[in-house]
Amino acid sequence: MKFINSLEKIIGKERREKLVKNRAYTWVSDIAAINLFSLSFALNEAFIAGMDLEEVVKTRLAAVVGNTIVGRPYGIYRDWVMKKLDVTENSSRLKKYITDIGTFATGATPFYLVFLAVAGAEPDEMVKAATFLTLAAPLVGRPQGWVYDKMRGQFGLETAYEKSERMASLAKRLKD
């Protein structure tokens, strides 16, 4: 069952439709998605970067604050990349995969470096963790995109692919 359906039972259909159109609601969805996915980075910090438990906890706490700030901007960036590269629900898996990898490497890694710095990671730990994260983009880029899409679905919002498709269709109609 989707979160939005449960919410609709509580607040009613009219309020649900109004809520889904609210920009703040989209922010909440993207923030929830990035924070949920971000928990997996603790494995990188502990086992690849060699950070101790206290540093990992501090980094995850800094990430919650940071992700709350960057969750929606990353979602906007991902939407923009999908639109620019014309990636839709009907695009090939390979195109979706490659696009999510590139989006992750160019969008998530810079934010991650800031989280590590705020947590007090040593420069060599930061380099190791960020390098590994960038090199791991082929493994984590698509899963993060998937989490964003699933979270938006739970919230009753358009995925990046649906938004790209809608924008392409609108552009085509305006052109005609």
N, C-alpha and C. Protein backbone atom coordinates (compact mmCIF):
# COMPACT_ATOMS: atom_id res chain seq x y z
N MET A 1 0.84 -1.18 0.00
CA MET A 1 0.00 0.00 0.00
C MET A 1 0.88 1.24 0.00
N LYS A 2 0.48 2.21 -0.78
CA LYS A 2 1.24 3.45 -0.88
C LYS A 2 0.91 4.38 0.28
N PHE A 3 1.92 5.11 0.68
CA PHE A 3 1.78 6.11 1.74
C PHE A 3 0.65 7.08 1.41
N ILE A 4 0.60 7.54 0.16
CA ILE A 4 -0.38 8.54 -0.24
C ILE A 4 -1.81 8.01 -0.10
N ASN A 5 -2.02 6.72 -0.34
CA ASN A 5 -3.36 6.14 -0.21
C ASN A 5 -3.80 6.13 1.25
N SER A 6 -2.88 5.81 2.14
CA SER A 6 -3.20 5.84 3.57
C SER A 6 -3.49 7.26 4.02
N LEU A 7 -2.72 8.19 3.51
CA LEU A 7 -2.91 9.59 3.85
C LEU A 7 -4.26 10.09 3.34
N GLU A 8 -4.64 9.65 2.15
CA GLU A 8 -5.92 10.06 1.58
C GLU A 8 -7.09 9.61 2.44
N LYS A 9 -6.97 8.43 3.03
CA LYS A 9 -8.03 7.93 3.92
C LYS A 9 -8.21 8.85 5.13
N ILE A 10 -7.13 9.48 5.55
CA ILE A 10 -7.18 10.35 6.71
C ILE A 10 -7.65 11.76 6.34
N ILE A 11 -7.11 12.31 5.26
CA ILE A 11 -7.39 13.72 4.95
C ILE A 11 -8.41 13.92 3.83
N GLY A 12 -8.75 12.87 3.10
CA GLY A 12 -9.73 12.99 2.03
C GLY A 12 -9.09 13.25 0.68
N LYS A 13 -9.86 13.00 -0.37
CA LYS A 13 -9.34 13.10 -1.74
C LYS A 13 -8.98 14.54 -2.13
N GLU A 14 -9.83 15.50 -1.78
CA GLU A 14 -9.56 16.89 -2.13
C GLU A 14 -8.26 17.40 -1.52
N ARG A 15 -8.09 17.14 -0.25
CA ARG A 15 -6.85 17.58 0.43
C ARG A 15 -5.64 16.84 -0.11
N ARG A 16 -5.82 15.57 -0.45
CA ARG A 16 -4.72 14.78 -1.04
C ARG A 16 -4.26 15.43 -2.34
N GLU A 17 -5.20 15.76 -3.21
CA GLU A 17 -4.85 16.38 -4.50
C GLU A 17 -4.15 17.72 -4.28
N LYS A 18 -4.62 18.49 -3.33
CA LYS A 18 -3.99 19.77 -3.02
C LYS A 18 -2.58 19.57 -2.46
N LEU A 19 -2.43 18.59 -1.59
CA LEU A 19 -1.14 18.28 -0.98
C LEU A 19 -0.11 17.87 -2.02
N VAL A 20 -0.50 17.00 -2.94
CA VAL A 20 0.43 16.50 -3.96
C VAL A 20 0.93 17.64 -4.85
N LYS A 21 0.14 18.67 -5.01
CA LYS A 21 0.54 19.82 -5.83
C LYS A 21 1.41 20.81 -5.06
N ASN A 22 1.56 20.61 -3.76
CA ASN A 22 2.32 21.51 -2.91
C ASN A 22 3.82 21.22 -3.07
N ARG A 23 4.59 22.26 -3.33
CA ARG A 23 6.05 22.10 -3.51
C ARG A 23 6.73 21.54 -2.26
N ALA A 24 6.27 21.95 -1.11
CA ALA A 24 6.88 21.47 0.14
C ALA A 24 6.74 19.96 0.26
N TYR A 25 5.65 19.44 -0.22
CA TYR A 25 5.40 17.99 -0.17
C TYR A 25 6.43 17.25 -1.02
N THR A 26 6.77 17.81 -2.18
CA THR A 26 7.81 17.21 -3.02
C THR A 26 9.16 17.26 -2.31
N TRP A 27 9.42 18.34 -1.60
CA TRP A 27 10.66 18.44 -0.82
C TRP A 27 10.71 17.30 0.20
N VAL A 28 9.61 17.07 0.89
CA VAL A 28 9.57 16.01 1.91
C VAL A 28 9.87 14.65 1.27
N SER A 29 9.28 14.38 0.13
CA SER A 29 9.52 13.11 -0.56
C SER A 29 11.00 12.93 -0.91
N ASP A 30 11.59 13.95 -1.52
CA ASP A 30 13.00 13.84 -1.92
C ASP A 30 13.93 13.78 -0.72
N ILE A 31 13.61 14.50 0.34
CA ILE A 31 14.42 14.45 1.57
C ILE A 31 14.34 13.05 2.18
N ALA A 32 13.15 12.48 2.22
CA ALA A 32 13.00 11.12 2.75
C ALA A 32 13.79 10.13 1.91
N ALA A 33 13.76 10.28 0.60
CA ALA A 33 14.46 9.36 -0.29
C ALA A 33 15.98 9.42 -0.08
N ILE A 34 16.52 10.62 -0.05
CA ILE A 34 17.98 10.73 0.07
C ILE A 34 18.45 10.28 1.46
N ASN A 35 17.68 10.56 2.49
CA ASN A 35 18.07 10.12 3.83
C ASN A 35 17.98 8.61 3.97
N LEU A 36 16.97 8.02 3.39
CA LEU A 36 16.84 6.57 3.43
C LEU A 36 18.02 5.91 2.71
N PHE A 37 18.32 6.37 1.53
CA PHE A 37 19.41 5.79 0.77
C PHE A 37 20.77 6.06 1.43
N SER A 38 20.90 7.21 2.03
CA SER A 38 22.16 7.62 2.66
C SER A 38 22.62 6.68 3.77
N LEU A 39 21.69 5.98 4.37
CA LEU A 39 22.08 5.05 5.45
C LEU A 39 23.06 3.98 4.94
N SER A 40 22.97 3.64 3.68
CA SER A 40 23.88 2.62 3.12
C SER A 40 25.33 3.11 3.08
N PHE A 41 25.55 4.42 3.12
CA PHE A 41 26.91 4.95 3.05
C PHE A 41 27.71 4.65 4.31
N ALA A 42 27.04 4.30 5.38
CA ALA A 42 27.75 3.96 6.62
C ALA A 42 28.69 2.78 6.39
N LEU A 43 28.31 1.88 5.51
CA LEU A 43 29.18 0.73 5.21
C LEU A 43 30.47 1.20 4.55
N ASN A 44 30.38 2.16 3.64
CA ASN A 44 31.55 2.73 2.99
C ASN A 44 32.47 3.38 4.03
N GLU A 45 31.88 4.17 4.89
CA GLU A 45 32.67 4.89 5.87
C GLU A 45 33.38 3.95 6.84
N ALA A 46 32.72 2.91 7.27
CA ALA A 46 33.31 1.99 8.24
C ALA A 46 34.31 1.03 7.59
N PHE A 47 33.95 0.45 6.46
CA PHE A 47 34.77 -0.62 5.91
C PHE A 47 35.74 -0.20 4.82
N ILE A 48 35.49 0.88 4.13
CA ILE A 48 36.40 1.33 3.08
C ILE A 48 37.28 2.47 3.59
N ALA A 49 36.66 3.49 4.17
CA ALA A 49 37.42 4.64 4.66
C ALA A 49 38.12 4.35 5.98
N GLY A 50 37.66 3.33 6.71
CA GLY A 50 38.29 2.97 7.98
C GLY A 50 37.92 3.88 9.13
N MET A 51 36.79 4.55 9.03
CA MET A 51 36.36 5.44 10.11
C MET A 51 35.85 4.60 11.28
N ASP A 52 36.07 5.11 12.49
CA ASP A 52 35.57 4.38 13.65
C ASP A 52 34.07 4.66 13.82
N LEU A 53 33.43 3.92 14.71
CA LEU A 53 31.98 4.00 14.89
C LEU A 53 31.53 5.42 15.22
N GLU A 54 32.26 6.11 16.07
CA GLU A 54 31.88 7.47 16.45
C GLU A 54 31.89 8.40 15.23
N GLU A 55 32.92 8.27 14.38
CA GLU A 55 32.98 9.09 13.16
C GLU A 55 31.84 8.76 12.20
N VAL A 56 31.52 7.47 12.09
CA VAL A 56 30.43 7.05 11.21
C VAL A 56 29.11 7.64 11.70
N VAL A 57 28.87 7.58 13.00
CA VAL A 57 27.63 8.11 13.56
C VAL A 57 27.57 9.63 13.34
N LYS A 58 28.68 10.31 13.58
CA LYS A 58 28.71 11.76 13.36
C LYS A 58 28.46 12.09 11.88
N THR A 59 29.05 11.32 11.00
CA THR A 59 28.85 11.55 9.57
C THR A 59 27.40 11.32 9.17
N ARG A 60 26.79 10.26 9.69
CA ARG A 60 25.38 9.99 9.37
C ARG A 60 24.48 11.09 9.92
N LEU A 61 24.80 11.60 11.13
CA LEU A 61 24.01 12.71 11.69
C LEU A 61 24.20 13.98 10.88
N ALA A 62 25.44 14.25 10.47
CA ALA A 62 25.69 15.41 9.60
C ALA A 62 24.97 15.23 8.27
N ALA A 63 24.95 14.00 7.80
CA ALA A 63 24.28 13.71 6.52
C ALA A 63 22.78 13.95 6.62
N VAL A 64 22.17 13.65 7.76
CA VAL A 64 20.72 13.91 7.91
C VAL A 64 20.47 15.40 7.73
N VAL A 65 21.27 16.21 8.39
CA VAL A 65 21.12 17.66 8.26
C VAL A 65 21.41 18.08 6.82
N GLY A 66 22.52 17.61 6.31
CA GLY A 66 22.90 17.95 4.93
C GLY A 66 21.91 17.44 3.90
N ASN A 67 21.46 16.20 4.07
CA ASN A 67 20.51 15.63 3.12
C ASN A 67 19.18 16.36 3.15
N THR A 68 18.82 16.85 4.32
CA THR A 68 17.59 17.63 4.43
C THR A 68 17.71 18.91 3.61
N ILE A 69 18.90 19.43 3.54
CA ILE A 69 19.14 20.64 2.74
C ILE A 69 19.26 20.31 1.25
N VAL A 70 19.95 19.22 0.91
CA VAL A 70 20.24 18.93 -0.50
C VAL A 70 19.32 17.90 -1.15
N GLY A 71 18.43 17.28 -0.38
CA GLY A 71 17.57 16.24 -0.94
C GLY A 71 16.76 16.71 -2.13
N ARG A 72 16.09 17.83 -2.00
CA ARG A 72 15.29 18.34 -3.11
C ARG A 72 16.15 18.92 -4.22
N PRO A 73 17.21 19.72 -3.91
CA PRO A 73 18.06 20.18 -5.01
C PRO A 73 18.63 19.02 -5.84
N TYR A 74 19.01 17.92 -5.17
CA TYR A 74 19.49 16.76 -5.93
C TYR A 74 18.35 16.19 -6.79
N GLY A 75 17.13 16.15 -6.24
CA GLY A 75 15.98 15.67 -7.01
C GLY A 75 15.72 16.56 -8.22
N ILE A 76 15.85 17.86 -8.04
CA ILE A 76 15.68 18.80 -9.15
C ILE A 76 16.77 18.57 -10.19
N TYR A 77 18.00 18.39 -9.72
CA TYR A 77 19.13 18.13 -10.62
C TYR A 77 18.89 16.84 -11.41
N ARG A 78 18.45 15.81 -10.73
CA ARG A 78 18.18 14.53 -11.39
C ARG A 78 17.06 14.69 -12.42
N ASP A 79 16.00 15.40 -12.04
CA ASP A 79 14.91 15.66 -12.99
C ASP A 79 15.43 16.39 -14.23
N TRP A 80 16.28 17.38 -14.00
CA TRP A 80 16.84 18.18 -15.09
C TRP A 80 17.68 17.31 -16.02
N VAL A 81 18.54 16.47 -15.45
CA VAL A 81 19.38 15.58 -16.27
C VAL A 81 18.51 14.63 -17.08
N MET A 82 17.49 14.06 -16.44
CA MET A 82 16.59 13.14 -17.15
C MET A 82 15.91 13.85 -18.33
N LYS A 83 15.49 15.07 -18.09
CA LYS A 83 14.83 15.84 -19.15
C LYS A 83 15.82 16.17 -20.27
N LYS A 84 17.01 16.63 -19.91
CA LYS A 84 18.02 17.00 -20.91
C LYS A 84 18.41 15.82 -21.78
N LEU A 85 18.50 14.64 -21.18
CA LEU A 85 18.91 13.45 -21.92
C LEU A 85 17.73 12.66 -22.45
N ASP A 86 16.53 13.22 -22.27
CA ASP A 86 15.30 12.60 -22.76
C ASP A 86 15.16 11.16 -22.26
N VAL A 87 15.34 10.99 -20.96
CA VAL A 87 15.17 9.68 -20.34
C VAL A 87 13.74 9.59 -19.82
N THR A 88 13.01 8.60 -20.30
CA THR A 88 11.62 8.41 -19.90
C THR A 88 11.44 7.00 -19.37
N GLU A 89 10.23 6.72 -18.93
CA GLU A 89 9.91 5.37 -18.43
C GLU A 89 10.17 4.32 -19.50
N ASN A 90 10.00 4.69 -20.76
CA ASN A 90 10.17 3.75 -21.87
C ASN A 90 11.61 3.67 -22.37
N SER A 91 12.51 4.46 -21.81
CA SER A 91 13.92 4.39 -22.20
C SER A 91 14.49 3.04 -21.81
N SER A 92 15.55 2.68 -22.48
CA SER A 92 16.18 1.39 -22.18
C SER A 92 16.74 1.38 -20.76
N ARG A 93 16.87 0.21 -20.21
CA ARG A 93 17.47 0.08 -18.87
C ARG A 93 18.88 0.63 -18.86
N LEU A 94 19.61 0.41 -19.97
CA LEU A 94 20.99 0.89 -20.06
C LEU A 94 21.03 2.41 -20.00
N LYS A 95 20.15 3.08 -20.73
CA LYS A 95 20.13 4.54 -20.73
C LYS A 95 19.79 5.07 -19.33
N LYS A 96 18.82 4.45 -18.66
CA LYS A 96 18.47 4.86 -17.30
C LYS A 96 19.65 4.65 -16.36
N TYR A 97 20.29 3.50 -16.49
CA TYR A 97 21.43 3.13 -15.64
C TYR A 97 22.58 4.14 -15.81
N ILE A 98 22.96 4.40 -17.05
CA ILE A 98 24.07 5.30 -17.33
C ILE A 98 23.75 6.72 -16.85
N THR A 99 22.52 7.14 -17.07
CA THR A 99 22.12 8.49 -16.64
C THR A 99 22.16 8.61 -15.12
N ASP A 100 21.66 7.60 -14.42
CA ASP A 100 21.70 7.65 -12.96
C ASP A 100 23.13 7.60 -12.43
N ILE A 101 24.00 6.86 -13.09
CA ILE A 101 25.41 6.82 -12.66
C ILE A 101 26.04 8.20 -12.79
N GLY A 102 25.87 8.82 -13.95
CA GLY A 102 26.44 10.15 -14.17
C GLY A 102 25.85 11.19 -13.23
N THR A 103 24.55 11.12 -13.02
CA THR A 103 23.89 12.06 -12.12
C THR A 103 24.41 11.89 -10.70
N PHE A 104 24.56 10.65 -10.28
CA PHE A 104 25.06 10.38 -8.93
C PHE A 104 26.49 10.90 -8.77
N ALA A 105 27.36 10.55 -9.72
CA ALA A 105 28.77 10.93 -9.61
C ALA A 105 28.95 12.44 -9.60
N THR A 106 28.17 13.14 -10.39
CA THR A 106 28.32 14.60 -10.47
C THR A 106 27.48 15.36 -9.46
N GLY A 107 26.47 14.69 -8.88
CA GLY A 107 25.60 15.37 -7.94
C GLY A 107 25.78 14.98 -6.49
N ALA A 108 25.97 13.69 -6.23
CA ALA A 108 26.03 13.22 -4.84
C ALA A 108 27.43 13.32 -4.23
N THR A 109 28.45 13.03 -4.98
CA THR A 109 29.81 13.01 -4.43
C THR A 109 30.23 14.35 -3.84
N PRO A 110 29.97 15.47 -4.50
CA PRO A 110 30.36 16.76 -3.87
C PRO A 110 29.67 17.00 -2.52
N PHE A 111 28.38 16.65 -2.43
CA PHE A 111 27.68 16.79 -1.16
C PHE A 111 28.30 15.89 -0.09
N TYR A 112 28.66 14.69 -0.48
CA TYR A 112 29.24 13.71 0.45
C TYR A 112 30.54 14.24 1.05
N LEU A 113 31.35 14.88 0.24
CA LEU A 113 32.60 15.45 0.75
C LEU A 113 32.33 16.49 1.84
N VAL A 114 31.31 17.28 1.65
CA VAL A 114 30.95 18.28 2.66
C VAL A 114 30.53 17.59 3.96
N PHE A 115 29.73 16.53 3.86
CA PHE A 115 29.29 15.81 5.05
C PHE A 115 30.49 15.24 5.81
N LEU A 116 31.43 14.69 5.07
CA LEU A 116 32.63 14.12 5.70
C LEU A 116 33.43 15.21 6.42
N ALA A 117 33.58 16.35 5.77
CA ALA A 117 34.34 17.45 6.37
C ALA A 117 33.66 17.95 7.64
N VAL A 118 32.36 18.11 7.60
CA VAL A 118 31.61 18.58 8.77
C VAL A 118 31.76 17.59 9.93
N ALA A 119 31.82 16.31 9.61
CA ALA A 119 31.95 15.29 10.64
C ALA A 119 33.35 15.20 11.21
N GLY A 120 34.30 15.91 10.58
CA GLY A 120 35.66 15.91 11.08
C GLY A 120 36.54 14.80 10.54
N ALA A 121 36.15 14.23 9.42
CA ALA A 121 36.99 13.18 8.82
C ALA A 121 38.32 13.79 8.41
N GLU A 122 39.35 12.99 8.51
CA GLU A 122 40.69 13.42 8.10
C GLU A 122 40.73 13.53 6.57
N PRO A 123 41.60 14.39 6.04
CA PRO A 123 41.67 14.56 4.58
C PRO A 123 41.88 13.23 3.82
N ASP A 124 42.74 12.36 4.35
CA ASP A 124 42.96 11.09 3.64
C ASP A 124 41.70 10.21 3.68
N GLU A 125 40.96 10.27 4.78
CA GLU A 125 39.70 9.52 4.88
C GLU A 125 38.68 10.08 3.88
N MET A 126 38.66 11.41 3.76
CA MET A 126 37.73 12.05 2.84
C MET A 126 38.03 11.65 1.40
N VAL A 127 39.31 11.67 1.06
CA VAL A 127 39.70 11.30 -0.31
C VAL A 127 39.33 9.85 -0.59
N LYS A 128 39.64 8.96 0.35
CA LYS A 128 39.30 7.53 0.16
C LYS A 128 37.79 7.33 0.01
N ALA A 129 37.03 7.93 0.93
CA ALA A 129 35.58 7.74 0.92
C ALA A 129 34.95 8.33 -0.34
N ALA A 130 35.35 9.54 -0.71
CA ALA A 130 34.77 10.19 -1.90
C ALA A 130 35.19 9.48 -3.18
N THR A 131 36.45 9.05 -3.24
CA THR A 131 36.92 8.32 -4.42
C THR A 131 36.17 7.01 -4.55
N PHE A 132 36.04 6.31 -3.45
CA PHE A 132 35.30 5.04 -3.50
C PHE A 132 33.85 5.29 -3.92
N LEU A 133 33.24 6.32 -3.36
CA LEU A 133 31.84 6.60 -3.69
C LEU A 133 31.69 6.90 -5.19
N THR A 134 32.61 7.69 -5.73
CA THR A 134 32.56 8.00 -7.15
C THR A 134 32.78 6.75 -7.99
N LEU A 135 33.76 5.95 -7.60
CA LEU A 135 34.02 4.70 -8.34
C LEU A 135 32.88 3.70 -8.17
N ALA A 136 32.17 3.82 -7.06
CA ALA A 136 31.05 2.93 -6.80
C ALA A 136 29.75 3.41 -7.46
N ALA A 137 29.81 4.56 -8.12
CA ALA A 137 28.61 5.10 -8.77
C ALA A 137 27.91 4.07 -9.65
N PRO A 138 28.65 3.21 -10.37
CA PRO A 138 27.94 2.19 -11.16
C PRO A 138 27.12 1.23 -10.30
N LEU A 139 27.49 1.10 -9.03
CA LEU A 139 26.74 0.21 -8.13
C LEU A 139 25.65 0.94 -7.36
N VAL A 140 25.85 2.21 -7.06
CA VAL A 140 24.90 2.93 -6.20
C VAL A 140 24.08 4.00 -6.91
N GLY A 141 24.52 4.44 -8.08
CA GLY A 141 23.79 5.49 -8.78
C GLY A 141 22.38 5.09 -9.14
N ARG A 142 22.24 3.93 -9.74
CA ARG A 142 20.90 3.47 -10.13
C ARG A 142 20.04 3.14 -8.91
N PRO A 143 20.59 2.45 -7.89
CA PRO A 143 19.76 2.22 -6.70
C PRO A 143 19.26 3.51 -6.05
N GLN A 144 20.09 4.55 -6.01
CA GLN A 144 19.63 5.81 -5.43
C GLN A 144 18.51 6.39 -6.29
N GLY A 145 18.67 6.35 -7.60
CA GLY A 145 17.60 6.82 -8.49
C GLY A 145 16.32 6.03 -8.28
N TRP A 146 16.48 4.73 -8.11
CA TRP A 146 15.33 3.85 -7.87
C TRP A 146 14.62 4.25 -6.58
N VAL A 147 15.40 4.53 -5.52
CA VAL A 147 14.81 4.94 -4.24
C VAL A 147 14.04 6.26 -4.42
N TYR A 148 14.62 7.21 -5.14
CA TYR A 148 13.91 8.47 -5.41
C TYR A 148 12.58 8.18 -6.12
N ASP A 149 12.63 7.36 -7.16
CA ASP A 149 11.41 7.06 -7.93
C ASP A 149 10.37 6.34 -7.07
N LYS A 150 10.81 5.37 -6.29
CA LYS A 150 9.87 4.63 -5.44
C LYS A 150 9.28 5.53 -4.35
N MET A 151 10.11 6.38 -3.78
CA MET A 151 9.61 7.29 -2.74
C MET A 151 8.59 8.26 -3.33
N ARG A 152 8.90 8.81 -4.50
CA ARG A 152 7.94 9.70 -5.15
C ARG A 152 6.64 8.95 -5.45
N GLY A 153 6.75 7.71 -5.87
CA GLY A 153 5.55 6.90 -6.10
C GLY A 153 4.75 6.72 -4.83
N GLN A 154 5.43 6.45 -3.72
CA GLN A 154 4.75 6.32 -2.43
C GLN A 154 4.02 7.60 -2.05
N PHE A 155 4.61 8.73 -2.41
CA PHE A 155 4.02 10.01 -2.09
C PHE A 155 3.00 10.48 -3.13
N GLY A 156 2.80 9.67 -4.18
CA GLY A 156 1.83 10.03 -5.22
C GLY A 156 2.33 11.09 -6.18
N LEU A 157 3.65 11.21 -6.31
CA LEU A 157 4.27 12.22 -7.17
C LEU A 157 4.82 11.59 -8.45
N GLU A 158 5.07 12.42 -9.45
CA GLU A 158 5.68 11.95 -10.69
C GLU A 158 7.14 11.55 -10.43
N THR A 159 7.57 10.48 -11.09
CA THR A 159 8.99 10.13 -11.05
C THR A 159 9.73 11.06 -12.01
N ALA A 160 11.04 11.03 -11.96
CA ALA A 160 11.84 11.83 -12.89
C ALA A 160 11.53 11.45 -14.33
N TYR A 161 11.30 10.17 -14.57
CA TYR A 161 11.00 9.70 -15.93
C TYR A 161 9.65 10.22 -16.40
N GLU A 162 8.66 10.14 -15.53
CA GLU A 162 7.32 10.63 -15.89
C GLU A 162 7.35 12.13 -16.15
N LYS A 163 8.10 12.85 -15.31
CA LYS A 163 8.21 14.30 -15.48
C LYS A 163 8.90 14.62 -16.80
N SER A 164 9.96 13.89 -17.12
CA SER A 164 10.69 14.10 -18.38
C SER A 164 9.78 13.84 -19.58
N GLU A 165 9.02 12.77 -19.48
CA GLU A 165 8.09 12.42 -20.56
C GLU A 165 7.00 13.49 -20.72
N ARG A 166 6.46 13.97 -19.61
CA ARG A 166 5.42 15.00 -19.66
C ARG A 166 5.97 16.28 -20.25
N MET A 167 7.19 16.67 -19.86
CA MET A 167 7.79 17.89 -20.37
C MET A 167 8.09 17.77 -21.86
N ALA A 168 8.55 16.60 -22.30
CA ALA A 168 8.83 16.38 -23.72
C ALA A 168 7.54 16.46 -24.53
N SER A 169 6.48 15.89 -24.00
CA SER A 169 5.19 15.92 -24.67
C SER A 169 4.66 17.35 -24.75
N LEU A 170 4.81 18.10 -23.68
CA LEU A 170 4.38 19.50 -23.65
C LEU A 170 5.19 20.32 -24.66
N ALA A 171 6.48 20.11 -24.69
CA ALA A 171 7.34 20.84 -25.63
C ALA A 171 6.94 20.52 -27.07
N LYS A 172 6.62 19.27 -27.33
CA LYS A 172 6.21 18.86 -28.67
C LYS A 172 4.89 19.53 -29.06
N ARG A 173 3.95 19.57 -28.14
CA ARG A 173 2.65 20.22 -28.42
C ARG A 173 2.83 21.71 -28.66
N LEU A 174 3.71 22.35 -27.90
CA LEU A 174 3.95 23.79 -28.09
C LEU A 174 4.62 24.06 -29.44
N LYS A 175 5.46 23.13 -29.86
CA LYS A 175 6.17 23.26 -31.12
C LYS A 175 5.21 23.13 -32.30
N ASP A 176 4.23 22.21 -32.16
CA ASP A 176 3.27 21.95 -33.23
C ASP A 176 2.28 23.04 -33.30
